[in-house]
Amino acid sequence: MKKVIYITLLLILNFSIFSQESFTYVEDEILIKVEKPFKDKNLKNGIITTDQEWFNKHSTKYKCFELEPIFLDSEGEMQKFYK
């Protein structure tokens, strides 16, 4: 397990130091990965609500008005990423 963590950290460090790409900060936007993909998504009073209560609490607190999958027509782990 330690070996996996070490290799992962090494890859992250290597990527961040030697990457030629620059990442752009987008104000008022976050990317998330959830344990289970959202099954239901609604707009209630301008705020996104889903079938997952934990998300609804954050959505209400931070006034989330948009929730879109990052990878369209995806399966497996890729279904869990949202913007």
PDB file of N, CA and C in Angstrom:
ATOM      1  N   MET A   1       0.823  -1.190   0.000  1.00  0.00           N
ATOM      2  CA  MET A   1       0.000   0.000   0.000  1.00  0.00           C
ATOM      3  C   MET A   1       0.872   1.260   0.000  1.00  0.00           C
ATOM      4  N   LYS A   2       1.939   1.238   0.811  1.00  0.00           N
ATOM      5  CA  LYS A   2       2.842   2.386   0.851  1.00  0.00           C
ATOM      6  C   LYS A   2       3.473   2.629  -0.512  1.00  0.00           C
ATOM      7  N   LYS A   3       3.783   1.537  -1.216  1.00  0.00           N
ATOM      8  CA  LYS A   3       4.408   1.647  -2.527  1.00  0.00           C
ATOM      9  C   LYS A   3       3.460   2.341  -3.508  1.00  0.00           C
ATOM     10  N   VAL A   4       2.175   1.988  -3.450  1.00  0.00           N
ATOM     11  CA  VAL A   4       1.183   2.598  -4.335  1.00  0.00           C
ATOM     12  C   VAL A   4       1.045   4.092  -4.039  1.00  0.00           C
ATOM     13  N   ILE A   5       0.988   4.444  -2.764  1.00  0.00           N
ATOM     14  CA  ILE A   5       0.884   5.848  -2.376  1.00  0.00           C
ATOM     15  C   ILE A   5       2.127   6.617  -2.821  1.00  0.00           C
ATOM     16  N   TYR A   6       3.301   6.024  -2.619  1.00  0.00           N
ATOM     17  CA  TYR A   6       4.552   6.664  -3.015  1.00  0.00           C
ATOM     18  C   TYR A   6       4.589   6.900  -4.519  1.00  0.00           C
ATOM     19  N   ILE A   7       4.216   5.899  -5.291  1.00  0.00           N
ATOM     20  CA  ILE A   7       4.232   6.032  -6.749  1.00  0.00           C
ATOM     21  C   ILE A   7       3.227   7.082  -7.197  1.00  0.00           C
ATOM     22  N   THR A   8       2.053   7.086  -6.587  1.00  0.00           N
ATOM     23  CA  THR A   8       1.035   8.074  -6.932  1.00  0.00           C
ATOM     24  C   THR A   8       1.526   9.487  -6.651  1.00  0.00           C
ATOM     25  N   LEU A   9       2.102   9.696  -5.470  1.00  0.00           N
ATOM     26  CA  LEU A   9       2.632  11.022  -5.130  1.00  0.00           C
ATOM     27  C   LEU A   9       3.765  11.427  -6.061  1.00  0.00           C
ATOM     28  N   LEU A  10       4.600  10.480  -6.413  1.00  0.00           N
ATOM     29  CA  LEU A  10       5.700  10.763  -7.326  1.00  0.00           C
ATOM     30  C   LEU A  10       5.178  11.182  -8.698  1.00  0.00           C
ATOM     31  N   LEU A  11       4.152  10.494  -9.182  1.00  0.00           N
ATOM     32  CA  LEU A  11       3.568  10.848 -10.473  1.00  0.00           C
ATOM     33  C   LEU A  11       2.925  12.231 -10.431  1.00  0.00           C
ATOM     34  N   ILE A  12       2.226  12.543  -9.348  1.00  0.00           N
ATOM     35  CA  ILE A  12       1.602  13.861  -9.216  1.00  0.00           C
ATOM     36  C   ILE A  12       2.661  14.949  -9.176  1.00  0.00           C
ATOM     37  N   LEU A  13       3.704  14.732  -8.388  1.00  0.00           N
ATOM     38  CA  LEU A  13       4.783  15.707  -8.291  1.00  0.00           C
ATOM     39  C   LEU A  13       5.461  15.887  -9.649  1.00  0.00           C
ATOM     40  N   ASN A  14       5.746  14.793 -10.311  1.00  0.00           N
ATOM     41  CA  ASN A  14       6.389  14.843 -11.615  1.00  0.00           C
ATOM     42  C   ASN A  14       5.517  15.608 -12.614  1.00  0.00           C
ATOM     43  N   PHE A  15       4.235  15.326 -12.608  1.00  0.00           N
ATOM     44  CA  PHE A  15       3.319  15.998 -13.532  1.00  0.00           C
ATOM     45  C   PHE A  15       3.261  17.491 -13.252  1.00  0.00           C
ATOM     46  N   SER A  16       3.181  17.865 -11.979  1.00  0.00           N
ATOM     47  CA  SER A  16       3.025  19.278 -11.648  1.00  0.00           C
ATOM     48  C   SER A  16       4.295  20.080 -11.902  1.00  0.00           C
ATOM     49  N   ILE A  17       5.444  19.474 -11.742  1.00  0.00           N
ATOM     50  CA  ILE A  17       6.704  20.197 -11.934  1.00  0.00           C
ATOM     51  C   ILE A  17       7.074  20.303 -13.407  1.00  0.00           C
ATOM     52  N   PHE A  18       6.906  19.219 -14.143  1.00  0.00           N
ATOM     53  CA  PHE A  18       7.406  19.180 -15.511  1.00  0.00           C
ATOM     54  C   PHE A  18       6.341  19.372 -16.582  1.00  0.00           C
ATOM     55  N   SER A  19       5.132  19.625 -16.187  1.00  0.00           N
ATOM     56  CA  SER A  19       4.060  19.804 -17.163  1.00  0.00           C
ATOM     57  C   SER A  19       4.248  21.097 -17.947  1.00  0.00           C
ATOM     58  N   GLN A  20       4.039  21.014 -19.230  1.00  0.00           N
ATOM     59  CA  GLN A  20       4.117  22.191 -20.080  1.00  0.00           C
ATOM     60  C   GLN A  20       2.777  22.924 -20.134  1.00  0.00           C
ATOM     61  N   GLU A  21       1.720  22.249 -19.709  1.00  0.00           N
ATOM     62  CA  GLU A  21       0.399  22.857 -19.742  1.00  0.00           C
ATOM     63  C   GLU A  21       0.188  23.742 -18.528  1.00  0.00           C
ATOM     64  N   SER A  22      -0.569  24.780 -18.711  1.00  0.00           N
ATOM     65  CA  SER A  22      -0.959  25.592 -17.575  1.00  0.00           C
ATOM     66  C   SER A  22      -2.456  25.394 -17.366  1.00  0.00           C
ATOM     67  N   PHE A  23      -2.860  25.332 -16.117  1.00  0.00           N
ATOM     68  CA  PHE A  23      -4.254  25.112 -15.803  1.00  0.00           C
ATOM     69  C   PHE A  23      -4.930  26.457 -15.586  1.00  0.00           C
ATOM     70  N   THR A  24      -6.134  26.571 -16.077  1.00  0.00           N
ATOM     71  CA  THR A  24      -6.868  27.807 -15.971  1.00  0.00           C
ATOM     72  C   THR A  24      -7.887  27.709 -14.849  1.00  0.00           C
ATOM     73  N   TYR A  25      -7.888  28.701 -14.004  1.00  0.00           N
ATOM     74  CA  TYR A  25      -8.870  28.791 -12.935  1.00  0.00           C
ATOM     75  C   TYR A  25     -10.143  29.383 -13.517  1.00  0.00           C
ATOM     76  N   VAL A  26     -11.260  28.724 -13.268  1.00  0.00           N
ATOM     77  CA  VAL A  26     -12.548  29.231 -13.718  1.00  0.00           C
ATOM     78  C   VAL A  26     -13.333  29.639 -12.482  1.00  0.00           C
ATOM     79  N   GLU A  27     -13.602  30.919 -12.348  1.00  0.00           N
ATOM     80  CA  GLU A  27     -14.304  31.426 -11.182  1.00  0.00           C
ATOM     81  C   GLU A  27     -15.710  30.849 -11.107  1.00  0.00           C
ATOM     82  N   ASP A  28     -16.123  30.523  -9.883  1.00  0.00           N
ATOM     83  CA  ASP A  28     -17.467  29.991  -9.606  1.00  0.00           C
ATOM     84  C   ASP A  28     -17.721  28.638 -10.273  1.00  0.00           C
ATOM     85  N   GLU A  29     -16.678  27.852 -10.472  1.00  0.00           N
ATOM     86  CA  GLU A  29     -16.854  26.525 -11.065  1.00  0.00           C
ATOM     87  C   GLU A  29     -15.970  25.527 -10.327  1.00  0.00           C
ATOM     88  N   ILE A  30     -16.541  24.371 -10.001  1.00  0.00           N
ATOM     89  CA  ILE A  30     -15.753  23.304  -9.389  1.00  0.00           C
ATOM     90  C   ILE A  30     -15.995  22.008 -10.150  1.00  0.00           C
ATOM     91  N   LEU A  31     -15.039  21.124 -10.074  1.00  0.00           N
ATOM     92  CA  LEU A  31     -15.160  19.794 -10.641  1.00  0.00           C
ATOM     93  C   LEU A  31     -15.225  18.819  -9.483  1.00  0.00           C
ATOM     94  N   ILE A  32     -16.179  17.880  -9.542  1.00  0.00           N
ATOM     95  CA  ILE A  32     -16.321  16.912  -8.461  1.00  0.00           C
ATOM     96  C   ILE A  32     -16.399  15.496  -9.015  1.00  0.00           C
ATOM     97  N   LYS A  33     -16.015  14.552  -8.180  1.00  0.00           N
ATOM     98  CA  LYS A  33     -16.215  13.134  -8.465  1.00  0.00           C
ATOM     99  C   LYS A  33     -17.042  12.591  -7.305  1.00  0.00           C
ATOM    100  N   VAL A  34     -18.135  11.926  -7.613  1.00  0.00           N
ATOM    101  CA  VAL A  34     -19.037  11.402  -6.597  1.00  0.00           C
ATOM    102  C   VAL A  34     -18.904   9.888  -6.507  1.00  0.00           C
ATOM    103  N   GLU A  35     -19.343   9.320  -5.383  1.00  0.00           N
ATOM    104  CA  GLU A  35     -19.290   7.867  -5.221  1.00  0.00           C
ATOM    105  C   GLU A  35     -20.278   7.169  -6.136  1.00  0.00           C
ATOM    106  N   LYS A  36     -21.478   7.737  -6.249  1.00  0.00           N
ATOM    107  CA  LYS A  36     -22.516   7.185  -7.123  1.00  0.00           C
ATOM    108  C   LYS A  36     -22.991   8.289  -8.057  1.00  0.00           C
ATOM    109  N   PRO A  37     -23.122   7.991  -9.347  1.00  0.00           N
ATOM    110  CA  PRO A  37     -23.632   9.008 -10.271  1.00  0.00           C
ATOM    111  C   PRO A  37     -25.040   9.455  -9.857  1.00  0.00           C
ATOM    112  N   PHE A  38     -25.374  10.694 -10.162  1.00  0.00           N
ATOM    113  CA  PHE A  38     -26.699  11.217  -9.851  1.00  0.00           C
ATOM    114  C   PHE A  38     -27.726  10.552 -10.776  1.00  0.00           C
ATOM    115  N   LYS A  39     -28.818  10.101 -10.194  1.00  0.00           N
ATOM    116  CA  LYS A  39     -29.884   9.480 -10.990  1.00  0.00           C
ATOM    117  C   LYS A  39     -30.938  10.503 -11.382  1.00  0.00           C
ATOM    118  N   ASP A  40     -31.113  11.511 -10.549  1.00  0.00           N
ATOM    119  CA  ASP A  40     -32.166  12.494 -10.771  1.00  0.00           C
ATOM    120  C   ASP A  40     -31.609  13.884 -10.504  1.00  0.00           C
ATOM    121  N   LYS A  41     -31.979  14.830 -11.354  1.00  0.00           N
ATOM    122  CA  LYS A  41     -31.498  16.198 -11.212  1.00  0.00           C
ATOM    123  C   LYS A  41     -32.656  17.138 -11.529  1.00  0.00           C
ATOM    124  N   ASN A  42     -32.941  18.072 -10.613  1.00  0.00           N
ATOM    125  CA  ASN A  42     -34.035  19.019 -10.796  1.00  0.00           C
ATOM    126  C   ASN A  42     -33.575  20.417 -10.444  1.00  0.00           C
ATOM    127  N   LEU A  43     -34.321  21.392 -10.926  1.00  0.00           N
ATOM    128  CA  LEU A  43     -34.079  22.789 -10.584  1.00  0.00           C
ATOM    129  C   LEU A  43     -35.234  23.240  -9.692  1.00  0.00           C
ATOM    130  N   LYS A  44     -34.902  23.608  -8.454  1.00  0.00           N
ATOM    131  CA  LYS A  44     -35.917  24.030  -7.487  1.00  0.00           C
ATOM    132  C   LYS A  44     -35.547  25.420  -6.977  1.00  0.00           C
ATOM    133  N   ASN A  45     -36.393  26.404  -7.284  1.00  0.00           N
ATOM    134  CA  ASN A  45     -36.117  27.804  -6.924  1.00  0.00           C
ATOM    135  C   ASN A  45     -34.763  28.272  -7.450  1.00  0.00           C
ATOM    136  N   GLY A  46     -34.390  27.803  -8.621  1.00  0.00           N
ATOM    137  CA  GLY A  46     -33.128  28.207  -9.238  1.00  0.00           C
ATOM    138  C   GLY A  46     -31.911  27.457  -8.735  1.00  0.00           C
ATOM    139  N   ILE A  47     -32.099  26.489  -7.830  1.00  0.00           N
ATOM    140  CA  ILE A  47     -30.991  25.717  -7.254  1.00  0.00           C
ATOM    141  C   ILE A  47     -31.137  24.250  -7.667  1.00  0.00           C
ATOM    142  N   ILE A  48     -30.025  23.621  -8.017  1.00  0.00           N
ATOM    143  CA  ILE A  48     -30.027  22.215  -8.409  1.00  0.00           C
ATOM    144  C   ILE A  48     -30.284  21.327  -7.199  1.00  0.00           C
ATOM    145  N   THR A  49     -31.176  20.365  -7.344  1.00  0.00           N
ATOM    146  CA  THR A  49     -31.376  19.315  -6.345  1.00  0.00           C
ATOM    147  C   THR A  49     -31.215  17.973  -7.046  1.00  0.00           C
ATOM    148  N   THR A  50     -30.749  16.994  -6.305  1.00  0.00           N
ATOM    149  CA  THR A  50     -30.512  15.661  -6.858  1.00  0.00           C
ATOM    150  C   THR A  50     -31.114  14.608  -5.938  1.00  0.00           C
ATOM    151  N   ASP A  51     -30.870  13.362  -6.264  1.00  0.00           N
ATOM    152  CA  ASP A  51     -31.317  12.243  -5.427  1.00  0.00           C
ATOM    153  C   ASP A  51     -30.380  12.018  -4.232  1.00  0.00           C
ATOM    154  N   GLN A  52     -29.312  12.807  -4.115  1.00  0.00           N
ATOM    155  CA  GLN A  52     -28.339  12.637  -3.035  1.00  0.00           C
ATOM    156  C   GLN A  52     -28.376  13.846  -2.098  1.00  0.00           C
ATOM    157  N   GLU A  53     -28.838  13.609  -0.880  1.00  0.00           N
ATOM    158  CA  GLU A  53     -29.064  14.681   0.092  1.00  0.00           C
ATOM    159  C   GLU A  53     -27.794  15.461   0.437  1.00  0.00           C
ATOM    160  N   TRP A  54     -26.652  14.776   0.525  1.00  0.00           N
ATOM    161  CA  TRP A  54     -25.404  15.472   0.852  1.00  0.00           C
ATOM    162  C   TRP A  54     -25.122  16.567  -0.167  1.00  0.00           C
ATOM    163  N   PHE A  55     -25.389  16.274  -1.445  1.00  0.00           N
ATOM    164  CA  PHE A  55     -25.151  17.269  -2.487  1.00  0.00           C
ATOM    165  C   PHE A  55     -26.134  18.424  -2.368  1.00  0.00           C
ATOM    166  N   ASN A  56     -27.381  18.107  -2.065  1.00  0.00           N
ATOM    167  CA  ASN A  56     -28.413  19.137  -1.948  1.00  0.00           C
ATOM    168  C   ASN A  56     -28.063  20.170  -0.874  1.00  0.00           C
ATOM    169  N   LYS A  57     -27.475  19.713   0.227  1.00  0.00           N
ATOM    170  CA  LYS A  57     -27.059  20.640   1.290  1.00  0.00           C
ATOM    171  C   LYS A  57     -26.018  21.631   0.762  1.00  0.00           C
ATOM    172  N   HIS A  58     -25.030  21.131   0.053  1.00  0.00           N
ATOM    173  CA  HIS A  58     -23.982  21.987  -0.504  1.00  0.00           C
ATOM    174  C   HIS A  58     -24.538  22.874  -1.624  1.00  0.00           C
ATOM    175  N   SER A  59     -25.409  22.308  -2.417  1.00  0.00           N
ATOM    176  CA  SER A  59     -26.001  23.058  -3.517  1.00  0.00           C
ATOM    177  C   SER A  59     -26.784  24.256  -3.001  1.00  0.00           C
ATOM    178  N   THR A  60     -27.527  24.039  -1.931  1.00  0.00           N
ATOM    179  CA  THR A  60     -28.294  25.132  -1.328  1.00  0.00           C
ATOM    180  C   THR A  60     -27.356  26.166  -0.706  1.00  0.00           C
ATOM    181  N   LYS A  61     -26.354  25.702   0.007  1.00  0.00           N
ATOM    182  CA  LYS A  61     -25.421  26.608   0.678  1.00  0.00           C
ATOM    183  C   LYS A  61     -24.659  27.484  -0.315  1.00  0.00           C
ATOM    184  N   TYR A  62     -24.184  26.883  -1.404  1.00  0.00           N
ATOM    185  CA  TYR A  62     -23.355  27.609  -2.363  1.00  0.00           C
ATOM    186  C   TYR A  62     -24.105  28.067  -3.616  1.00  0.00           C
ATOM    187  N   LYS A  63     -25.419  27.886  -3.598  1.00  0.00           N
ATOM    188  CA  LYS A  63     -26.279  28.329  -4.701  1.00  0.00           C
ATOM    189  C   LYS A  63     -25.839  27.761  -6.050  1.00  0.00           C
ATOM    190  N   CYS A  64     -25.834  26.452  -6.111  1.00  0.00           N
ATOM    191  CA  CYS A  64     -25.458  25.745  -7.334  1.00  0.00           C
ATOM    192  C   CYS A  64     -26.652  25.738  -8.300  1.00  0.00           C
ATOM    193  N   PHE A  65     -26.501  26.381  -9.428  1.00  0.00           N
ATOM    194  CA  PHE A  65     -27.600  26.469 -10.375  1.00  0.00           C
ATOM    195  C   PHE A  65     -27.371  25.646 -11.641  1.00  0.00           C
ATOM    196  N   GLU A  66     -26.258  24.921 -11.671  1.00  0.00           N
ATOM    197  CA  GLU A  66     -25.940  24.124 -12.846  1.00  0.00           C
ATOM    198  C   GLU A  66     -25.153  22.891 -12.412  1.00  0.00           C
ATOM    199  N   LEU A  67     -25.438  21.757 -13.005  1.00  0.00           N
ATOM    200  CA  LEU A  67     -24.715  20.513 -12.727  1.00  0.00           C
ATOM    201  C   LEU A  67     -24.697  19.689 -14.003  1.00  0.00           C
ATOM    202  N   GLU A  68     -23.531  19.516 -14.571  1.00  0.00           N
ATOM    203  CA  GLU A  68     -23.402  18.806 -15.843  1.00  0.00           C
ATOM    204  C   GLU A  68     -22.327  17.740 -15.753  1.00  0.00           C
ATOM    205  N   PRO A  69     -22.557  16.575 -16.369  1.00  0.00           N
ATOM    206  CA  PRO A  69     -21.487  15.572 -16.417  1.00  0.00           C
ATOM    207  C   PRO A  69     -20.346  16.089 -17.293  1.00  0.00           C
ATOM    208  N   ILE A  70     -19.133  15.760 -16.901  1.00  0.00           N
ATOM    209  CA  ILE A  70     -17.972  16.197 -17.682  1.00  0.00           C
ATOM    210  C   ILE A  70     -17.816  15.335 -18.931  1.00  0.00           C
ATOM    211  N   PHE A  71     -18.003  14.039 -18.767  1.00  0.00           N
ATOM    212  CA  PHE A  71     -17.844  13.108 -19.880  1.00  0.00           C
ATOM    213  C   PHE A  71     -19.224  12.638 -20.335  1.00  0.00           C
ATOM    214  N   LEU A  72     -19.656  13.075 -21.492  1.00  0.00           N
ATOM    215  CA  LEU A  72     -20.962  12.698 -22.010  1.00  0.00           C
ATOM    216  C   LEU A  72     -20.945  11.262 -22.533  1.00  0.00           C
ATOM    217  N   ASP A  73     -22.067  10.584 -22.413  1.00  0.00           N
ATOM    218  CA  ASP A  73     -22.210   9.200 -22.886  1.00  0.00           C
ATOM    219  C   ASP A  73     -21.118   8.285 -22.342  1.00  0.00           C
ATOM    220  N   SER A  74     -20.804   8.459 -21.064  1.00  0.00           N
ATOM    221  CA  SER A  74     -19.735   7.666 -20.466  1.00  0.00           C
ATOM    222  C   SER A  74     -20.311   6.527 -19.639  1.00  0.00           C
ATOM    223  N   GLU A  75     -19.437   5.594 -19.300  1.00  0.00           N
ATOM    224  CA  GLU A  75     -19.814   4.451 -18.469  1.00  0.00           C
ATOM    225  C   GLU A  75     -18.775   4.272 -17.375  1.00  0.00           C
ATOM    226  N   GLY A  76     -19.125   3.524 -16.341  1.00  0.00           N
ATOM    227  CA  GLY A  76     -18.192   3.218 -15.267  1.00  0.00           C
ATOM    228  C   GLY A  76     -17.786   4.435 -14.471  1.00  0.00           C
ATOM    229  N   GLU A  77     -16.510   4.507 -14.151  1.00  0.00           N
ATOM    230  CA  GLU A  77     -15.979   5.581 -13.320  1.00  0.00           C
ATOM    231  C   GLU A  77     -16.178   6.964 -13.928  1.00  0.00           C
ATOM    232  N   MET A  78     -16.193   7.055 -15.223  1.00  0.00           N
ATOM    233  CA  MET A  78     -16.302   8.355 -15.886  1.00  0.00           C
ATOM    234  C   MET A  78     -17.658   9.001 -15.661  1.00  0.00           C
ATOM    235  N   GLN A  79     -18.671   8.234 -15.291  1.00  0.00           N
ATOM    236  CA  GLN A  79     -20.002   8.782 -15.004  1.00  0.00           C
ATOM    237  C   GLN A  79     -20.005   9.599 -13.714  1.00  0.00           C
ATOM    238  N   LYS A  80     -18.990   9.484 -12.909  1.00  0.00           N
ATOM    239  CA  LYS A  80     -18.958  10.079 -11.584  1.00  0.00           C
ATOM    240  C   LYS A  80     -18.370  11.488 -11.553  1.00  0.00           C
ATOM    241  N   PHE A  81     -17.964  12.020 -12.687  1.00  0.00           N
ATOM    242  CA  PHE A  81     -17.333  13.342 -12.733  1.00  0.00           C
ATOM    243  C   PHE A  81     -18.327  14.391 -13.227  1.00  0.00           C
ATOM    244  N   TYR A  82     -18.420  15.487 -12.470  1.00  0.00           N
ATOM    245  CA  TYR A  82     -19.373  16.554 -12.788  1.00  0.00           C
ATOM    246  C   TYR A  82     -18.709  17.914 -12.676  1.00  0.00           C
ATOM    247  N   LYS A  83     -19.314  18.866 -13.384  1.00  0.00           N
ATOM    248  CA  LYS A  83     -18.887  20.268 -13.320  1.00  0.00           C
ATOM    249  C   LYS A  83     -20.056  21.053 -12.770  1.00  0.00           C
TER     250      LYS A  83
END
